[in-house]
Amino acid sequence: MSRTLTISDELAAALEAKRQQADMPSIDVAAELLLADALALDSENLEDLGLSVEALRAFIAEGEASGPAEPWNPEKDFDEVRRRFAASKTK
């Protein structure tokens, strides 16, 4: 069964951006995959993970708002772990 949905221009633009970012062939495919993921997420029991759907959505929004991912720099991360460990020993 096929349905046609009408969405706002803003939502369509956001969906198109996600489609391009994920290199999906069409906006229809992007919409279908994102809706399927959202429906599956709502049906899973996230409480076992200590998360509500709303909390998970807030984490995703925070990540998207923080900008593009940076390449992993293990030395920088190890230095930060060492700094935090040393700081915890002085408390």
C-alpha atoms as a PDB file:
ATOM      1  CA  MET A   1       0.000   0.000   0.000  1.00  0.00           C
ATOM      2  CA  SER A   2       1.294   3.435  -0.880  1.00  0.00           C
ATOM      3  CA  ARG A   3       0.259   6.727   0.731  1.00  0.00           C
ATOM      4  CA  THR A   4       1.043  10.344   0.040  1.00  0.00           C
ATOM      5  CA  LEU A   5       1.830  12.597   2.987  1.00  0.00           C
ATOM      6  CA  THR A   6       1.966  16.371   3.048  1.00  0.00           C
ATOM      7  CA  ILE A   7       4.676  17.845   5.245  1.00  0.00           C
ATOM      8  CA  SER A   8       5.807  21.398   5.899  1.00  0.00           C
ATOM      9  CA  ASP A   9       8.469  23.048   3.762  1.00  0.00           C
ATOM     10  CA  GLU A  10      10.762  23.203   6.807  1.00  0.00           C
ATOM     11  CA  LEU A  11      10.413  19.483   7.490  1.00  0.00           C
ATOM     12  CA  ALA A  12      10.903  18.711   3.793  1.00  0.00           C
ATOM     13  CA  ALA A  13      14.113  20.764   3.770  1.00  0.00           C
ATOM     14  CA  ALA A  14      15.402  18.973   6.888  1.00  0.00           C
ATOM     15  CA  LEU A  15      14.537  15.612   5.336  1.00  0.00           C
ATOM     16  CA  GLU A  16      16.291  16.544   2.110  1.00  0.00           C
ATOM     17  CA  ALA A  17      19.405  17.527   4.076  1.00  0.00           C
ATOM     18  CA  LYS A  18      19.362  14.152   5.878  1.00  0.00           C
ATOM     19  CA  ARG A  19      18.861  12.401   2.537  1.00  0.00           C
ATOM     20  CA  GLN A  20      21.904  14.113   1.040  1.00  0.00           C
ATOM     21  CA  GLN A  21      23.988  13.492   4.147  1.00  0.00           C
ATOM     22  CA  ALA A  22      23.169   9.763   4.104  1.00  0.00           C
ATOM     23  CA  ASP A  23      23.460   9.591   0.295  1.00  0.00           C
ATOM     24  CA  MET A  24      19.970   8.130  -0.072  1.00  0.00           C
ATOM     25  CA  PRO A  25      18.583   7.904  -3.610  1.00  0.00           C
ATOM     26  CA  SER A  26      15.371   9.851  -3.001  1.00  0.00           C
ATOM     27  CA  ILE A  27      13.464  11.848  -0.418  1.00  0.00           C
ATOM     28  CA  ASP A  28      10.826   9.087  -0.422  1.00  0.00           C
ATOM     29  CA  VAL A  29      13.415   6.514   0.630  1.00  0.00           C
ATOM     30  CA  ALA A  30      14.756   8.846   3.311  1.00  0.00           C
ATOM     31  CA  ALA A  31      11.279   9.510   4.682  1.00  0.00           C
ATOM     32  CA  GLU A  32      10.375   5.830   4.708  1.00  0.00           C
ATOM     33  CA  LEU A  33      13.582   4.812   6.499  1.00  0.00           C
ATOM     34  CA  LEU A  34      13.359   7.597   9.074  1.00  0.00           C
ATOM     35  CA  LEU A  35       9.693   6.879   9.770  1.00  0.00           C
ATOM     36  CA  ALA A  36      10.377   3.140  10.075  1.00  0.00           C
ATOM     37  CA  ASP A  37      13.250   3.856  12.493  1.00  0.00           C
ATOM     38  CA  ALA A  38      11.052   6.197  14.540  1.00  0.00           C
ATOM     39  CA  LEU A  39       8.226   3.669  14.728  1.00  0.00           C
ATOM     40  CA  ALA A  40      10.639   0.914  15.748  1.00  0.00           C
ATOM     41  CA  LEU A  41      12.219   3.177  18.354  1.00  0.00           C
ATOM     42  CA  ASP A  42       8.841   4.017  19.865  1.00  0.00           C
ATOM     43  CA  SER A  43       8.011   0.334  20.081  1.00  0.00           C
ATOM     44  CA  GLU A  44      11.248  -0.663  21.833  1.00  0.00           C
ATOM     45  CA  ASN A  45      11.540  -0.660  25.587  1.00  0.00           C
ATOM     46  CA  LEU A  46      14.132   2.050  26.132  1.00  0.00           C
ATOM     47  CA  GLU A  47      13.495   2.041  29.868  1.00  0.00           C
ATOM     48  CA  ASP A  48      15.807  -0.973  30.082  1.00  0.00           C
ATOM     49  CA  LEU A  49      18.552   1.410  28.978  1.00  0.00           C
ATOM     50  CA  GLY A  50      17.424   4.085  31.396  1.00  0.00           C
ATOM     51  CA  LEU A  51      16.241   6.303  28.546  1.00  0.00           C
ATOM     52  CA  SER A  52      12.871   7.563  27.481  1.00  0.00           C
ATOM     53  CA  VAL A  53      12.123   8.241  23.835  1.00  0.00           C
ATOM     54  CA  GLU A  54      12.049  11.945  24.686  1.00  0.00           C
ATOM     55  CA  ALA A  55      15.473  11.768  26.365  1.00  0.00           C
ATOM     56  CA  LEU A  56      16.945   9.929  23.402  1.00  0.00           C
ATOM     57  CA  ARG A  57      15.491  12.500  21.007  1.00  0.00           C
ATOM     58  CA  ALA A  58      16.995  15.264  23.155  1.00  0.00           C
ATOM     59  CA  PHE A  59      20.431  13.591  22.945  1.00  0.00           C
ATOM     60  CA  ILE A  60      20.115  13.297  19.171  1.00  0.00           C
ATOM     61  CA  ALA A  61      19.083  16.946  18.853  1.00  0.00           C
ATOM     62  CA  GLU A  62      22.002  18.002  21.059  1.00  0.00           C
ATOM     63  CA  GLY A  63      24.417  16.029  18.900  1.00  0.00           C
ATOM     64  CA  GLU A  64      23.059  17.476  15.681  1.00  0.00           C
ATOM     65  CA  ALA A  65      23.226  20.998  17.116  1.00  0.00           C
ATOM     66  CA  SER A  66      26.863  20.545  18.107  1.00  0.00           C
ATOM     67  CA  GLY A  67      27.969  20.513  14.481  1.00  0.00           C
ATOM     68  CA  PRO A  68      29.779  17.956  12.367  1.00  0.00           C
ATOM     69  CA  ALA A  69      31.750  15.148  13.944  1.00  0.00           C
ATOM     70  CA  GLU A  70      35.466  15.674  14.329  1.00  0.00           C
ATOM     71  CA  PRO A  71      38.052  13.030  13.463  1.00  0.00           C
ATOM     72  CA  TRP A  72      39.007  10.971  16.501  1.00  0.00           C
ATOM     73  CA  ASN A  73      42.317  11.987  18.041  1.00  0.00           C
ATOM     74  CA  PRO A  74      43.229   9.163  20.448  1.00  0.00           C
ATOM     75  CA  GLU A  75      46.178  11.000  21.966  1.00  0.00           C
ATOM     76  CA  LYS A  76      44.005  14.003  22.850  1.00  0.00           C
ATOM     77  CA  ASP A  77      41.362  11.724  24.377  1.00  0.00           C
ATOM     78  CA  PHE A  78      43.939   9.725  26.330  1.00  0.00           C
ATOM     79  CA  ASP A  79      45.425  12.956  27.641  1.00  0.00           C
ATOM     80  CA  GLU A  80      41.970  14.044  28.833  1.00  0.00           C
ATOM     81  CA  VAL A  81      41.380  10.675  30.535  1.00  0.00           C
ATOM     82  CA  ARG A  82      44.764  10.919  32.262  1.00  0.00           C
ATOM     83  CA  ARG A  83      43.994  14.489  33.383  1.00  0.00           C
ATOM     84  CA  ARG A  84      40.607  13.494  34.806  1.00  0.00           C
ATOM     85  CA  PHE A  85      42.088  10.441  36.542  1.00  0.00           C
ATOM     86  CA  ALA A  86      44.830  12.545  38.106  1.00  0.00           C
ATOM     87  CA  ALA A  87      42.281  15.129  39.224  1.00  0.00           C
ATOM     88  CA  SER A  88      40.122  12.434  40.833  1.00  0.00           C
ATOM     89  CA  LYS A  89      43.111  11.211  42.874  1.00  0.00           C
ATOM     90  CA  THR A  90      43.638  14.643  44.410  1.00  0.00           C
ATOM     91  CA  LYS A  91      40.081  14.866  45.752  1.00  0.00           C
END
